[in-house]
């Protein structure tokens, strides 16, 4: 493995949902829960932030909007567009 490079881990939607729910319902900090789950607190923090956006508790693009934007960007950048 290249030094200084981290291998990108993939997490299931269910794992992400469950991790966010632990933060929302337990009163524990993102850092505490991330440590217990063996993931970076920045990763869990991103999931919590996106969940807040999806719930309308925070400003930003929802997951559906992000997905659609990605589709449009791929359409515009594909050959023949």
PDB file of N, CA and C in Angstrom:
ATOM      1  N   UNK A   1       0.845  -1.185   0.000  1.00  0.00           N
ATOM      2  CA  UNK A   1       0.000   0.000   0.000  1.00  0.00           C
ATOM      3  C   UNK A   1       0.881   1.237   0.000  1.00  0.00           C
ATOM      4  N   UNK A   2       0.460   2.266  -0.694  1.00  0.00           N
ATOM      5  CA  UNK A   2       1.228   3.495  -0.760  1.00  0.00           C
ATOM      6  C   UNK A   2       1.225   4.182   0.591  1.00  0.00           C
ATOM      7  N   UNK A   3       2.399   4.676   0.985  1.00  0.00           N
ATOM      8  CA  UNK A   3       2.497   5.370   2.250  1.00  0.00           C
ATOM      9  C   UNK A   3       1.746   6.693   2.175  1.00  0.00           C
ATOM     10  N   UNK A   4       1.026   7.021   3.228  1.00  0.00           N
ATOM     11  CA  UNK A   4       0.287   8.267   3.249  1.00  0.00           C
ATOM     12  C   UNK A   4      -1.092   8.175   2.615  1.00  0.00           C
ATOM     13  N   UNK A   5      -1.390   7.083   1.967  1.00  0.00           N
ATOM     14  CA  UNK A   5      -2.702   6.912   1.317  1.00  0.00           C
ATOM     15  C   UNK A   5      -3.539   5.949   2.152  1.00  0.00           C
ATOM     16  N   UNK A   6      -4.768   6.364   2.438  1.00  0.00           N
ATOM     17  CA  UNK A   6      -5.693   5.479   3.138  1.00  0.00           C
ATOM     18  C   UNK A   6      -6.561   4.795   2.110  1.00  0.00           C
ATOM     19  N   UNK A   7      -6.839   3.536   2.357  1.00  0.00           N
ATOM     20  CA  UNK A   7      -7.773   2.815   1.498  1.00  0.00           C
ATOM     21  C   UNK A   7      -9.187   3.247   1.879  1.00  0.00           C
ATOM     22  N   UNK A   8      -9.962   3.586   0.903  1.00  0.00           N
ATOM     23  CA  UNK A   8     -11.326   4.077   1.137  1.00  0.00           C
ATOM     24  C   UNK A   8     -12.235   2.905   1.502  1.00  0.00           C
ATOM     25  N   UNK A   9     -12.848   2.986   2.677  1.00  0.00           N
ATOM     26  CA  UNK A   9     -13.761   1.937   3.126  1.00  0.00           C
ATOM     27  C   UNK A   9     -15.163   2.266   2.658  1.00  0.00           C
ATOM     28  N   UNK A  10     -15.929   1.236   2.370  1.00  0.00           N
ATOM     29  CA  UNK A  10     -17.334   1.388   1.959  1.00  0.00           C
ATOM     30  C   UNK A  10     -18.206   0.906   3.111  1.00  0.00           C
ATOM     31  N   UNK A  11     -19.258   1.635   3.381  1.00  0.00           N
ATOM     32  CA  UNK A  11     -20.194   1.272   4.438  1.00  0.00           C
ATOM     33  C   UNK A  11     -21.588   1.142   3.844  1.00  0.00           C
ATOM     34  N   UNK A  12     -22.327   0.172   4.326  1.00  0.00           N
ATOM     35  CA  UNK A  12     -23.687  -0.026   3.823  1.00  0.00           C
ATOM     36  C   UNK A  12     -24.579   1.122   4.298  1.00  0.00           C
ATOM     37  N   UNK A  13     -25.654   1.342   3.567  1.00  0.00           N
ATOM     38  CA  UNK A  13     -26.628   2.364   3.967  1.00  0.00           C
ATOM     39  C   UNK A  13     -27.191   2.046   5.348  1.00  0.00           C
ATOM     40  N   UNK A  14     -27.378   0.765   5.620  1.00  0.00           N
ATOM     41  CA  UNK A  14     -27.914   0.353   6.914  1.00  0.00           C
ATOM     42  C   UNK A  14     -26.953   0.717   8.046  1.00  0.00           C
ATOM     43  N   UNK A  15     -25.664   0.481   7.844  1.00  0.00           N
ATOM     44  CA  UNK A  15     -24.660   0.827   8.853  1.00  0.00           C
ATOM     45  C   UNK A  15     -24.677   2.338   9.102  1.00  0.00           C
ATOM     46  N   UNK A  16     -24.718   3.125   8.024  1.00  0.00           N
ATOM     47  CA  UNK A  16     -24.739   4.588   8.159  1.00  0.00           C
ATOM     48  C   UNK A  16     -25.972   5.042   8.928  1.00  0.00           C
ATOM     49  N   UNK A  17     -27.139   4.502   8.550  1.00  0.00           N
ATOM     50  CA  UNK A  17     -28.391   4.853   9.227  1.00  0.00           C
ATOM     51  C   UNK A  17     -28.323   4.529  10.713  1.00  0.00           C
ATOM     52  N   UNK A  18     -27.838   3.325  11.009  1.00  0.00           N
ATOM     53  CA  UNK A  18     -27.754   2.900  12.406  1.00  0.00           C
ATOM     54  C   UNK A  18     -26.793   3.781  13.196  1.00  0.00           C
ATOM     55  N   UNK A  19     -25.654   4.127  12.601  1.00  0.00           N
ATOM     56  CA  UNK A  19     -24.667   4.968  13.277  1.00  0.00           C
ATOM     57  C   UNK A  19     -25.245   6.352  13.566  1.00  0.00           C
ATOM     58  N   UNK A  20     -25.927   6.920  12.596  1.00  0.00           N
ATOM     59  CA  UNK A  20     -26.556   8.236  12.782  1.00  0.00           C
ATOM     60  C   UNK A  20     -27.620   8.151  13.867  1.00  0.00           C
ATOM     61  N   UNK A  21     -28.395   7.101  13.858  1.00  0.00           N
ATOM     62  CA  UNK A  21     -29.450   6.943  14.860  1.00  0.00           C
ATOM     63  C   UNK A  21     -28.865   6.841  16.269  1.00  0.00           C
ATOM     64  N   UNK A  22     -27.728   6.180  16.408  1.00  0.00           N
ATOM     65  CA  UNK A  22     -27.076   6.100  17.719  1.00  0.00           C
ATOM     66  C   UNK A  22     -26.724   7.505  18.212  1.00  0.00           C
ATOM     67  N   UNK A  23     -26.162   8.322  17.330  1.00  0.00           N
ATOM     68  CA  UNK A  23     -25.807   9.696  17.710  1.00  0.00           C
ATOM     69  C   UNK A  23     -27.070  10.465  18.091  1.00  0.00           C
ATOM     70  N   UNK A  24     -28.110  10.355  17.269  1.00  0.00           N
ATOM     71  CA  UNK A  24     -29.349  11.118  17.498  1.00  0.00           C
ATOM     72  C   UNK A  24     -30.044  10.707  18.795  1.00  0.00           C
ATOM     73  N   UNK A  25     -30.027   9.431  19.124  1.00  0.00           N
ATOM     74  CA  UNK A  25     -30.844   8.949  20.239  1.00  0.00           C
ATOM     75  C   UNK A  25     -30.080   8.764  21.551  1.00  0.00           C
ATOM     76  N   UNK A  26     -28.754   8.715  21.492  1.00  0.00           N
ATOM     77  CA  UNK A  26     -27.996   8.359  22.690  1.00  0.00           C
ATOM     78  C   UNK A  26     -27.528   9.551  23.514  1.00  0.00           C
ATOM     79  N   UNK A  27     -27.436  10.720  22.881  1.00  0.00           N
ATOM     80  CA  UNK A  27     -26.876  11.866  23.593  1.00  0.00           C
ATOM     81  C   UNK A  27     -25.356  11.857  23.635  1.00  0.00           C
ATOM     82  N   UNK A  28     -24.747  10.823  23.045  1.00  0.00           N
ATOM     83  CA  UNK A  28     -23.287  10.759  22.998  1.00  0.00           C
ATOM     84  C   UNK A  28     -22.790  11.574  21.810  1.00  0.00           C
ATOM     85  N   UNK A  29     -21.557  12.010  21.898  1.00  0.00           N
ATOM     86  CA  UNK A  29     -20.987  12.835  20.830  1.00  0.00           C
ATOM     87  C   UNK A  29     -20.645  11.982  19.612  1.00  0.00           C
ATOM     88  N   UNK A  30     -20.502  12.672  18.490  1.00  0.00           N
ATOM     89  CA  UNK A  30     -20.066  12.009  17.254  1.00  0.00           C
ATOM     90  C   UNK A  30     -18.728  11.329  17.500  1.00  0.00           C
ATOM     91  N   UNK A  31     -17.829  12.008  18.182  1.00  0.00           N
ATOM     92  CA  UNK A  31     -16.494  11.440  18.452  1.00  0.00           C
ATOM     93  C   UNK A  31     -16.595  10.147  19.254  1.00  0.00           C
ATOM     94  N   UNK A  32     -17.438  10.129  20.298  1.00  0.00           N
ATOM     95  CA  UNK A  32     -17.595   8.925  21.122  1.00  0.00           C
ATOM     96  C   UNK A  32     -18.139   7.762  20.305  1.00  0.00           C
ATOM     97  N   UNK A  33     -19.209   8.013  19.567  1.00  0.00           N
ATOM     98  CA  UNK A  33     -19.844   6.949  18.789  1.00  0.00           C
ATOM     99  C   UNK A  33     -18.905   6.457  17.696  1.00  0.00           C
ATOM    100  N   UNK A  34     -18.227   7.372  17.020  1.00  0.00           N
ATOM    101  CA  UNK A  34     -17.283   6.971  15.968  1.00  0.00           C
ATOM    102  C   UNK A  34     -16.193   6.069  16.547  1.00  0.00           C
ATOM    103  N   UNK A  35     -15.672   6.432  17.706  1.00  0.00           N
ATOM    104  CA  UNK A  35     -14.645   5.612  18.346  1.00  0.00           C
ATOM    105  C   UNK A  35     -15.142   4.215  18.667  1.00  0.00           C
ATOM    106  N   UNK A  36     -16.379   4.131  19.159  1.00  0.00           N
ATOM    107  CA  UNK A  36     -16.964   2.831  19.483  1.00  0.00           C
ATOM    108  C   UNK A  36     -17.164   1.981  18.231  1.00  0.00           C
ATOM    109  N   UNK A  37     -17.466   2.624  17.112  1.00  0.00           N
ATOM    110  CA  UNK A  37     -17.724   1.899  15.861  1.00  0.00           C
ATOM    111  C   UNK A  37     -16.454   1.666  15.042  1.00  0.00           C
ATOM    112  N   UNK A  38     -15.353   2.296  15.449  1.00  0.00           N
ATOM    113  CA  UNK A  38     -14.092   2.105  14.725  1.00  0.00           C
ATOM    114  C   UNK A  38     -14.036   2.861  13.405  1.00  0.00           C
ATOM    115  N   UNK A  39     -14.706   4.019  13.357  1.00  0.00           N
ATOM    116  CA  UNK A  39     -14.672   4.845  12.148  1.00  0.00           C
ATOM    117  C   UNK A  39     -14.192   6.244  12.521  1.00  0.00           C
ATOM    118  N   UNK A  40     -13.816   7.017  11.529  1.00  0.00           N
ATOM    119  CA  UNK A  40     -13.371   8.384  11.772  1.00  0.00           C
ATOM    120  C   UNK A  40     -14.545   9.256  12.178  1.00  0.00           C
ATOM    121  N   UNK A  41     -14.303  10.162  13.142  1.00  0.00           N
ATOM    122  CA  UNK A  41     -15.374  11.053  13.572  1.00  0.00           C
ATOM    123  C   UNK A  41     -15.796  12.001  12.454  1.00  0.00           C
ATOM    124  N   UNK A  42     -14.872  12.337  11.562  1.00  0.00           N
ATOM    125  CA  UNK A  42     -15.240  13.201  10.430  1.00  0.00           C
ATOM    126  C   UNK A  42     -16.214  12.489   9.492  1.00  0.00           C
ATOM    127  N   UNK A  43     -16.039  11.187   9.327  1.00  0.00           N
ATOM    128  CA  UNK A  43     -16.942  10.402   8.481  1.00  0.00           C
ATOM    129  C   UNK A  43     -18.344  10.381   9.084  1.00  0.00           C
ATOM    130  N   UNK A  44     -18.421  10.037  10.356  1.00  0.00           N
ATOM    131  CA  UNK A  44     -19.723   9.997  11.026  1.00  0.00           C
ATOM    132  C   UNK A  44     -20.338  11.389  11.077  1.00  0.00           C
ATOM    133  N   UNK A  45     -19.531  12.398  11.291  1.00  0.00           N
ATOM    134  CA  UNK A  45     -20.034  13.770  11.305  1.00  0.00           C
ATOM    135  C   UNK A  45     -20.668  14.152   9.977  1.00  0.00           C
ATOM    136  N   UNK A  46     -20.063  13.713   8.881  1.00  0.00           N
ATOM    137  CA  UNK A  46     -20.636  13.973   7.556  1.00  0.00           C
ATOM    138  C   UNK A  46     -21.991  13.294   7.413  1.00  0.00           C
ATOM    139  N   UNK A  47     -22.099  12.057   7.895  1.00  0.00           N
ATOM    140  CA  UNK A  47     -23.363  11.332   7.804  1.00  0.00           C
ATOM    141  C   UNK A  47     -24.442  12.025   8.633  1.00  0.00           C
ATOM    142  N   UNK A  48     -24.084  12.471   9.834  1.00  0.00           N
ATOM    143  CA  UNK A  48     -25.041  13.155  10.712  1.00  0.00           C
ATOM    144  C   UNK A  48     -25.485  14.463  10.062  1.00  0.00           C
ATOM    145  N   UNK A  49     -24.547  15.215   9.511  1.00  0.00           N
ATOM    146  CA  UNK A  49     -24.869  16.483   8.849  1.00  0.00           C
ATOM    147  C   UNK A  49     -25.812  16.264   7.666  1.00  0.00           C
ATOM    148  N   UNK A  50     -25.532  15.236   6.841  1.00  0.00           N
ATOM    149  CA  UNK A  50     -26.400  14.945   5.700  1.00  0.00           C
ATOM    150  C   UNK A  50     -27.790  14.524   6.167  1.00  0.00           C
ATOM    151  N   UNK A  51     -27.860  13.757   7.247  1.00  0.00           N
ATOM    152  CA  UNK A  51     -29.150  13.358   7.797  1.00  0.00           C
ATOM    153  C   UNK A  51     -29.942  14.586   8.242  1.00  0.00           C
ATOM    154  N   UNK A  52     -29.274  15.542   8.867  1.00  0.00           N
ATOM    155  CA  UNK A  52     -29.945  16.777   9.292  1.00  0.00           C
ATOM    156  C   UNK A  52     -30.488  17.541   8.087  1.00  0.00           C
ATOM    157  N   UNK A  53     -29.731  17.575   7.013  1.00  0.00           N
ATOM    158  CA  UNK A  53     -30.190  18.234   5.777  1.00  0.00           C
ATOM    159  C   UNK A  53     -31.408  17.496   5.227  1.00  0.00           C
ATOM    160  N   UNK A  54     -31.314  16.176   5.151  1.00  0.00           N
ATOM    161  CA  UNK A  54     -32.424  15.377   4.617  1.00  0.00           C
ATOM    162  C   UNK A  54     -33.702  15.559   5.438  1.00  0.00           C
ATOM    163  N   UNK A  55     -33.565  15.782   6.739  1.00  0.00           N
ATOM    164  CA  UNK A  55     -34.710  15.966   7.621  1.00  0.00           C
ATOM    165  C   UNK A  55     -35.218  17.405   7.617  1.00  0.00           C
ATOM    166  N   UNK A  56     -34.526  18.301   6.916  1.00  0.00           N
ATOM    167  CA  UNK A  56     -34.937  19.699   6.880  1.00  0.00           C
ATOM    168  C   UNK A  56     -34.495  20.481   8.106  1.00  0.00           C
ATOM    169  N   UNK A  57     -33.575  19.936   8.882  1.00  0.00           N
ATOM    170  CA  UNK A  57     -33.089  20.586  10.096  1.00  0.00           C
ATOM    171  C   UNK A  57     -31.893  21.494   9.820  1.00  0.00           C
ATOM    172  N   UNK A  58     -31.370  21.419   8.608  1.00  0.00           N
ATOM    173  CA  UNK A  58     -30.169  22.155   8.235  1.00  0.00           C
ATOM    174  C   UNK A  58     -30.257  22.484   6.754  1.00  0.00           C
ATOM    175  N   UNK A  59     -29.661  23.593   6.351  1.00  0.00           N
ATOM    176  CA  UNK A  59     -29.639  23.987   4.944  1.00  0.00           C
ATOM    177  C   UNK A  59     -28.641  23.139   4.161  1.00  0.00           C
ATOM    178  N   UNK A  60     -28.946  22.892   2.895  1.00  0.00           N
ATOM    179  CA  UNK A  60     -28.029  22.177   2.021  1.00  0.00           C
ATOM    180  C   UNK A  60     -28.795  21.299   1.052  1.00  0.00           C
ATOM    181  N   UNK A  61     -28.043  20.634   0.171  1.00  0.00           N
ATOM    182  CA  UNK A  61     -28.645  19.726  -0.804  1.00  0.00           C
ATOM    183  C   UNK A  61     -28.975  18.399  -0.135  1.00  0.00           C
ATOM    184  N   UNK A  62     -30.204  17.931  -0.335  1.00  0.00           N
ATOM    185  CA  UNK A  62     -30.577  16.620   0.196  1.00  0.00           C
ATOM    186  C   UNK A  62     -29.846  15.535  -0.593  1.00  0.00           C
ATOM    187  N   UNK A  63     -29.886  14.335  -0.076  1.00  0.00           N
ATOM    188  CA  UNK A  63     -29.248  13.208  -0.769  1.00  0.00           C
ATOM    189  C   UNK A  63     -29.849  13.014  -2.149  1.00  0.00           C
ATOM    190  N   UNK A  64     -31.172  13.143  -2.271  1.00  0.00           N
ATOM    191  CA  UNK A  64     -31.824  13.005  -3.577  1.00  0.00           C
ATOM    192  C   UNK A  64     -31.355  14.094  -4.538  1.00  0.00           C
ATOM    193  N   UNK A  65     -31.241  15.319  -4.031  1.00  0.00           N
ATOM    194  CA  UNK A  65     -30.774  16.424  -4.882  1.00  0.00           C
ATOM    195  C   UNK A  65     -29.327  16.212  -5.322  1.00  0.00           C
ATOM    196  N   UNK A  66     -28.492  15.724  -4.410  1.00  0.00           N
ATOM    197  CA  UNK A  66     -27.093  15.439  -4.758  1.00  0.00           C
ATOM    198  C   UNK A  66     -27.012  14.362  -5.844  1.00  0.00           C
ATOM    199  N   UNK A  67     -27.843  13.331  -5.696  1.00  0.00           N
ATOM    200  CA  UNK A  67     -27.855  12.250  -6.679  1.00  0.00           C
ATOM    201  C   UNK A  67     -28.268  12.776  -8.053  1.00  0.00           C
ATOM    202  N   UNK A  68     -29.310  13.580  -8.080  1.00  0.00           N
ATOM    203  CA  UNK A  68     -29.784  14.139  -9.351  1.00  0.00           C
ATOM    204  C   UNK A  68     -28.742  15.059  -9.969  1.00  0.00           C
ATOM    205  N   UNK A  69     -28.090  15.870  -9.160  1.00  0.00           N
ATOM    206  CA  UNK A  69     -27.038  16.755  -9.653  1.00  0.00           C
ATOM    207  C   UNK A  69     -25.902  15.936 -10.274  1.00  0.00           C
ATOM    208  N   UNK A  70     -25.534  14.842  -9.632  1.00  0.00           N
ATOM    209  CA  UNK A  70     -24.498  13.968 -10.173  1.00  0.00           C
ATOM    210  C   UNK A  70     -24.899  13.380 -11.517  1.00  0.00           C
ATOM    211  N   UNK A  71     -26.173  12.981 -11.630  1.00  0.00           N
ATOM    212  CA  UNK A  71     -26.676  12.447 -12.900  1.00  0.00           C
ATOM    213  C   UNK A  71     -26.573  13.499 -13.996  1.00  0.00           C
ATOM    214  N   UNK A  72     -26.984  14.716 -13.678  1.00  0.00           N
ATOM    215  CA  UNK A  72     -26.926  15.798 -14.666  1.00  0.00           C
ATOM    216  C   UNK A  72     -25.493  16.115 -15.073  1.00  0.00           C
ATOM    217  N   UNK A  73     -24.590  16.111 -14.111  1.00  0.00           N
ATOM    218  CA  UNK A  73     -23.179  16.380 -14.422  1.00  0.00           C
ATOM    219  C   UNK A  73     -22.611  15.294 -15.338  1.00  0.00           C
ATOM    220  N   UNK A  74     -22.973  14.043 -15.076  1.00  0.00           N
ATOM    221  CA  UNK A  74     -22.497  12.947 -15.934  1.00  0.00           C
ATOM    222  C   UNK A  74     -23.060  13.087 -17.348  1.00  0.00           C
ATOM    223  N   UNK A  75     -24.331  13.477 -17.442  1.00  0.00           N
ATOM    224  CA  UNK A  75     -24.947  13.671 -18.764  1.00  0.00           C
ATOM    225  C   UNK A  75     -24.217  14.769 -19.546  1.00  0.00           C
ATOM    226  N   UNK A  76     -23.905  15.859 -18.896  1.00  0.00           N
ATOM    227  CA  UNK A  76     -23.259  16.992 -19.556  1.00  0.00           C
ATOM    228  C   UNK A  76     -21.808  16.689 -19.918  1.00  0.00           C
ATOM    229  N   UNK A  77     -21.150  15.820 -19.157  1.00  0.00           N
ATOM    230  CA  UNK A  77     -19.741  15.557 -19.427  1.00  0.00           C
ATOM    231  C   UNK A  77     -19.521  14.350 -20.321  1.00  0.00           C
ATOM    232  N   UNK A  78     -20.584  13.612 -20.632  1.00  0.00           N
ATOM    233  CA  UNK A  78     -20.419  12.429 -21.462  1.00  0.00           C
ATOM    234  C   UNK A  78     -20.233  12.835 -22.924  1.00  0.00           C
ATOM    235  N   UNK A  79     -19.466  12.058 -23.674  1.00  0.00           N
ATOM    236  CA  UNK A  79     -19.256  12.360 -25.110  1.00  0.00           C
ATOM    237  C   UNK A  79     -20.596  12.385 -25.851  1.00  0.00           C
ATOM    238  N   UNK A  80     -20.691  13.327 -26.738  1.00  0.00           N
ATOM    239  CA  UNK A  80     -21.902  13.435 -27.548  1.00  0.00           C
ATOM    240  C   UNK A  80     -22.978  14.285 -26.927  1.00  0.00           C
ATOM    241  N   UNK A  81     -22.684  14.822 -25.742  1.00  0.00           N
ATOM    242  CA  UNK A  81     -23.695  15.663 -25.069  1.00  0.00           C
ATOM    243  C   UNK A  81     -23.691  17.055 -25.613  1.00  0.00           C
TER     244      UNK A  81
END
